Amino acid sequence: MPPTQNSALAPDLVARIRQKLTRQQFMHHIGADLTLIEPGRVEAELPLELKHQQQRGFVHGGVIATMADLVAGFAGVTLIPDNYGMVTADLKVSYLNPGVGKKIVAKGWVLKAGRRLHFCEAEVWCDDVLIAKATATMAVIEPQ
């Protein structure tokens, strides 16, 4: 995996998130990886392949939604204790432009972190064109 840009600033956080990523099977299946990990902020990249396209040659909307969900969710995960979990309670994606290009870059951040819910946003870019904006509500799962 490529080094995280801020690994010198928060090595424990980066290591904790990287450990959680080992269990994120769908992210690995599509070929995405986190490139930035900071408290309350995460970025991910996805090199585009034919398998990511829909019938007209654009990036499939499900791939775009997945990338938005991934970065919004992991932005939230950076703000919870290691033994807690997080799941998506609500995701709303607005598609702004077709995804045509070589690489997806998704950026997610936490607007408000609560005890039970985190309110997050995400942007998905394709070769420097904003293709989607998303809002997400992430539910904090307490250890049992």
C-alpha atoms as a PDB file:
ATOM      1  CA  MET A   1       0.000   0.000   0.000  1.00  0.00           C
ATOM      2  CA  PRO A   2       1.287   3.506  -0.705  1.00  0.00           C
ATOM      3  CA  PRO A   3       2.459   5.542   2.267  1.00  0.00           C
ATOM      4  CA  THR A   4      -0.054   7.923   3.758  1.00  0.00           C
ATOM      5  CA  GLN A   5       0.845  11.575   3.193  1.00  0.00           C
ATOM      6  CA  ASN A   6       0.643  12.482   6.871  1.00  0.00           C
ATOM      7  CA  SER A   7       2.112   9.326   8.406  1.00  0.00           C
ATOM      8  CA  ALA A   8       4.659  11.346  10.422  1.00  0.00           C
ATOM      9  CA  LEU A   9       1.871  13.399  12.021  1.00  0.00           C
ATOM     10  CA  ALA A  10      -0.353  10.584  13.305  1.00  0.00           C
ATOM     11  CA  PRO A  11       1.392   7.208  13.050  1.00  0.00           C
ATOM     12  CA  ASP A  12      -0.918   5.529  15.571  1.00  0.00           C
ATOM     13  CA  LEU A  13      -4.051   6.729  13.772  1.00  0.00           C
ATOM     14  CA  VAL A  14      -2.731   5.712  10.367  1.00  0.00           C
ATOM     15  CA  ALA A  15      -1.707   2.264  11.653  1.00  0.00           C
ATOM     16  CA  ARG A  16      -5.114   1.781  13.311  1.00  0.00           C
ATOM     17  CA  ILE A  17      -7.026   2.700  10.153  1.00  0.00           C
ATOM     18  CA  ARG A  18      -4.712   0.602   7.932  1.00  0.00           C
ATOM     19  CA  GLN A  19      -5.390  -2.371  10.228  1.00  0.00           C
ATOM     20  CA  LYS A  20      -9.155  -1.881   9.841  1.00  0.00           C
ATOM     21  CA  LEU A  21      -8.723  -1.651   6.055  1.00  0.00           C
ATOM     22  CA  THR A  22      -7.446  -5.225   5.940  1.00  0.00           C
ATOM     23  CA  ARG A  23     -11.047  -6.319   6.625  1.00  0.00           C
ATOM     24  CA  GLN A  24     -12.563  -3.955   4.014  1.00  0.00           C
ATOM     25  CA  GLN A  25     -12.926  -6.603   1.306  1.00  0.00           C
ATOM     26  CA  PHE A  26     -15.115  -4.692  -1.159  1.00  0.00           C
ATOM     27  CA  MET A  27     -12.689  -1.753  -1.277  1.00  0.00           C
ATOM     28  CA  HIS A  28      -9.881  -4.159  -2.185  1.00  0.00           C
ATOM     29  CA  HIS A  29     -12.116  -5.912  -4.730  1.00  0.00           C
ATOM     30  CA  ILE A  30     -12.685  -2.705  -6.719  1.00  0.00           C
ATOM     31  CA  GLY A  31      -9.034  -1.602  -6.357  1.00  0.00           C
ATOM     32  CA  ALA A  32      -9.415   1.461  -4.107  1.00  0.00           C
ATOM     33  CA  ASP A  33      -6.934   2.566  -1.450  1.00  0.00           C
ATOM     34  CA  LEU A  34      -6.792   5.341   1.122  1.00  0.00           C
ATOM     35  CA  THR A  35      -4.148   7.952   0.328  1.00  0.00           C
ATOM     36  CA  LEU A  36      -4.746  10.429   3.163  1.00  0.00           C
ATOM     37  CA  ILE A  37      -5.719   9.698   6.755  1.00  0.00           C
ATOM     38  CA  GLU A  38      -6.205  12.530   9.239  1.00  0.00           C
ATOM     39  CA  PRO A  39      -8.533  12.980  12.203  1.00  0.00           C
ATOM     40  CA  GLY A  40     -11.945  13.553  10.635  1.00  0.00           C
ATOM     41  CA  ARG A  41     -10.678  13.492   7.030  1.00  0.00           C
ATOM     42  CA  VAL A  42      -9.857  10.700   4.562  1.00  0.00           C
ATOM     43  CA  GLU A  43      -9.045  10.554   0.861  1.00  0.00           C
ATOM     44  CA  ALA A  44      -9.011   7.546  -1.449  1.00  0.00           C
ATOM     45  CA  GLU A  45      -7.987   6.814  -5.028  1.00  0.00           C
ATOM     46  CA  LEU A  46      -9.223   4.302  -7.558  1.00  0.00           C
ATOM     47  CA  PRO A  47      -7.406   3.727 -10.854  1.00  0.00           C
ATOM     48  CA  LEU A  48     -10.185   3.186 -13.385  1.00  0.00           C
ATOM     49  CA  GLU A  49     -10.549  -0.018 -15.361  1.00  0.00           C
ATOM     50  CA  LEU A  50     -13.184  -1.426 -17.738  1.00  0.00           C
ATOM     51  CA  LYS A  51     -14.816  -3.256 -14.832  1.00  0.00           C
ATOM     52  CA  HIS A  52     -15.769   0.116 -13.277  1.00  0.00           C
ATOM     53  CA  GLN A  53     -17.787   1.256 -16.315  1.00  0.00           C
ATOM     54  CA  GLN A  54     -21.491   1.107 -17.025  1.00  0.00           C
ATOM     55  CA  GLN A  55     -22.919   0.482 -20.506  1.00  0.00           C
ATOM     56  CA  ARG A  56     -22.132   3.979 -21.889  1.00  0.00           C
ATOM     57  CA  GLY A  57     -18.504   3.930 -20.740  1.00  0.00           C
ATOM     58  CA  PHE A  58     -18.966   6.158 -17.690  1.00  0.00           C
ATOM     59  CA  VAL A  59     -17.915   5.138 -14.185  1.00  0.00           C
ATOM     60  CA  HIS A  60     -20.820   3.175 -12.742  1.00  0.00           C
ATOM     61  CA  GLY A  61     -22.912   5.096 -10.211  1.00  0.00           C
ATOM     62  CA  GLY A  62     -22.472   2.295  -7.716  1.00  0.00           C
ATOM     63  CA  VAL A  63     -18.697   2.693  -7.850  1.00  0.00           C
ATOM     64  CA  ILE A  64     -19.052   6.435  -7.281  1.00  0.00           C
ATOM     65  CA  ALA A  65     -21.425   5.875  -4.343  1.00  0.00           C
ATOM     66  CA  THR A  66     -19.066   3.255  -2.930  1.00  0.00           C
ATOM     67  CA  MET A  67     -16.153   5.685  -3.027  1.00  0.00           C
ATOM     68  CA  ALA A  68     -18.223   8.401  -1.320  1.00  0.00           C
ATOM     69  CA  ASP A  69     -19.385   5.940   1.334  1.00  0.00           C
ATOM     70  CA  LEU A  70     -15.846   4.672   1.872  1.00  0.00           C
ATOM     71  CA  VAL A  71     -14.281   8.068   2.555  1.00  0.00           C
ATOM     72  CA  ALA A  72     -17.195   9.438   4.587  1.00  0.00           C
ATOM     73  CA  GLY A  73     -17.252   6.302   6.714  1.00  0.00           C
ATOM     74  CA  PHE A  74     -13.537   6.080   7.328  1.00  0.00           C
ATOM     75  CA  ALA A  75     -13.403   9.818   8.093  1.00  0.00           C
ATOM     76  CA  GLY A  76     -15.825   8.993  10.886  1.00  0.00           C
ATOM     77  CA  VAL A  77     -13.827   5.953  11.978  1.00  0.00           C
ATOM     78  CA  THR A  78     -10.796   8.188  12.583  1.00  0.00           C
ATOM     79  CA  LEU A  79     -12.728   9.886  15.406  1.00  0.00           C
ATOM     80  CA  ILE A  80     -13.960   6.839  17.349  1.00  0.00           C
ATOM     81  CA  PRO A  81     -12.099   4.530  19.751  1.00  0.00           C
ATOM     82  CA  ASP A  82     -10.446   1.485  18.211  1.00  0.00           C
ATOM     83  CA  ASN A  83     -12.879  -1.004  19.775  1.00  0.00           C
ATOM     84  CA  TYR A  84     -15.919   0.828  18.332  1.00  0.00           C
ATOM     85  CA  GLY A  85     -17.373   0.331  14.867  1.00  0.00           C
ATOM     86  CA  MET A  86     -19.207   2.466  12.331  1.00  0.00           C
ATOM     87  CA  VAL A  87     -21.837   1.698   9.704  1.00  0.00           C
ATOM     88  CA  THR A  88     -23.691   3.804   7.176  1.00  0.00           C
ATOM     89  CA  ALA A  89     -27.158   4.826   8.363  1.00  0.00           C
ATOM     90  CA  ASP A  90     -27.933   7.098   5.407  1.00  0.00           C
ATOM     91  CA  LEU A  91     -26.166   8.037   2.173  1.00  0.00           C
ATOM     92  CA  LYS A  92     -27.371  10.581  -0.363  1.00  0.00           C
ATOM     93  CA  VAL A  93     -25.351  10.980  -3.553  1.00  0.00           C
ATOM     94  CA  SER A  94     -25.863  13.714  -6.136  1.00  0.00           C
ATOM     95  CA  TYR A  95     -24.277  12.916  -9.501  1.00  0.00           C
ATOM     96  CA  LEU A  96     -23.008  16.111 -11.138  1.00  0.00           C
ATOM     97  CA  ASN A  97     -20.976  14.965 -14.154  1.00  0.00           C
ATOM     98  CA  PRO A  98     -20.252  11.648 -15.867  1.00  0.00           C
ATOM     99  CA  GLY A  99     -17.131   9.887 -14.666  1.00  0.00           C
ATOM    100  CA  VAL A 100     -14.793   9.676 -17.640  1.00  0.00           C
ATOM    101  CA  GLY A 101     -11.072   9.464 -17.101  1.00  0.00           C
ATOM    102  CA  LYS A 102      -8.177   7.557 -15.607  1.00  0.00           C
ATOM    103  CA  LYS A 103      -8.618   7.920 -11.833  1.00  0.00           C
ATOM    104  CA  ILE A 104     -11.227   8.591  -9.156  1.00  0.00           C
ATOM    105  CA  VAL A 105     -10.243  10.646  -6.124  1.00  0.00           C
ATOM    106  CA  ALA A 106     -12.732  10.724  -3.259  1.00  0.00           C
ATOM    107  CA  LYS A 107     -12.469  13.118  -0.309  1.00  0.00           C
ATOM    108  CA  GLY A 108     -14.496  12.667   2.868  1.00  0.00           C
ATOM    109  CA  TRP A 109     -14.766  14.625   6.089  1.00  0.00           C
ATOM    110  CA  VAL A 110     -16.802  14.777   9.283  1.00  0.00           C
ATOM    111  CA  LEU A 111     -19.061  17.803   9.696  1.00  0.00           C
ATOM    112  CA  LYS A 112     -20.206  16.871  13.200  1.00  0.00           C
ATOM    113  CA  ALA A 113     -19.165  13.930  15.311  1.00  0.00           C
ATOM    114  CA  GLY A 114     -21.690  12.804  17.889  1.00  0.00           C
ATOM    115  CA  ARG A 115     -21.831  10.042  20.460  1.00  0.00           C
ATOM    116  CA  ARG A 116     -24.156   7.905  18.303  1.00  0.00           C
ATOM    117  CA  LEU A 117     -24.127   9.563  14.869  1.00  0.00           C
ATOM    118  CA  HIS A 118     -21.507  11.288  12.731  1.00  0.00           C
ATOM    119  CA  PHE A 119     -22.627  13.640   9.971  1.00  0.00           C
ATOM    120  CA  CYS A 120     -20.230  13.516   7.031  1.00  0.00           C
ATOM    121  CA  GLU A 121     -19.760  14.799   3.492  1.00  0.00           C
ATOM    122  CA  ALA A 122     -17.822  13.539   0.510  1.00  0.00           C
ATOM    123  CA  GLU A 123     -16.773  14.670  -2.944  1.00  0.00           C
ATOM    124  CA  VAL A 124     -15.848  12.346  -5.770  1.00  0.00           C
ATOM    125  CA  TRP A 125     -13.571  13.644  -8.521  1.00  0.00           C
ATOM    126  CA  CYS A 126     -12.595  12.054 -11.829  1.00  0.00           C
ATOM    127  CA  ASP A 127      -9.468  13.526 -13.420  1.00  0.00           C
ATOM    128  CA  ASP A 128     -10.006  16.910 -11.688  1.00  0.00           C
ATOM    129  CA  VAL A 129     -13.737  17.104 -12.530  1.00  0.00           C
ATOM    130  CA  LEU A 130     -16.200  17.010  -9.625  1.00  0.00           C
ATOM    131  CA  ILE A 131     -18.572  14.173 -10.512  1.00  0.00           C
ATOM    132  CA  ALA A 132     -20.511  13.706  -7.264  1.00  0.00           C
ATOM    133  CA  LYS A 133     -21.271  15.190  -3.849  1.00  0.00           C
ATOM    134  CA  ALA A 134     -22.596  13.108  -0.981  1.00  0.00           C
ATOM    135  CA  THR A 135     -23.905  13.492   2.523  1.00  0.00           C
ATOM    136  CA  ALA A 136     -23.824  10.597   4.923  1.00  0.00           C
ATOM    137  CA  THR A 137     -24.997   9.774   8.402  1.00  0.00           C
ATOM    138  CA  MET A 138     -22.754   7.212  10.047  1.00  0.00           C
ATOM    139  CA  ALA A 139     -23.904   5.251  13.102  1.00  0.00           C
ATOM    140  CA  VAL A 140     -21.409   4.541  15.870  1.00  0.00           C
ATOM    141  CA  ILE A 141     -21.465   0.922  17.004  1.00  0.00           C
ATOM    142  CA  GLU A 142     -20.430   0.514  20.647  1.00  0.00           C
ATOM    143  CA  PRO A 143     -18.545  -2.602  21.772  1.00  0.00           C
ATOM    144  CA  GLN A 144     -20.679  -5.289  23.412  1.00  0.00           C
END
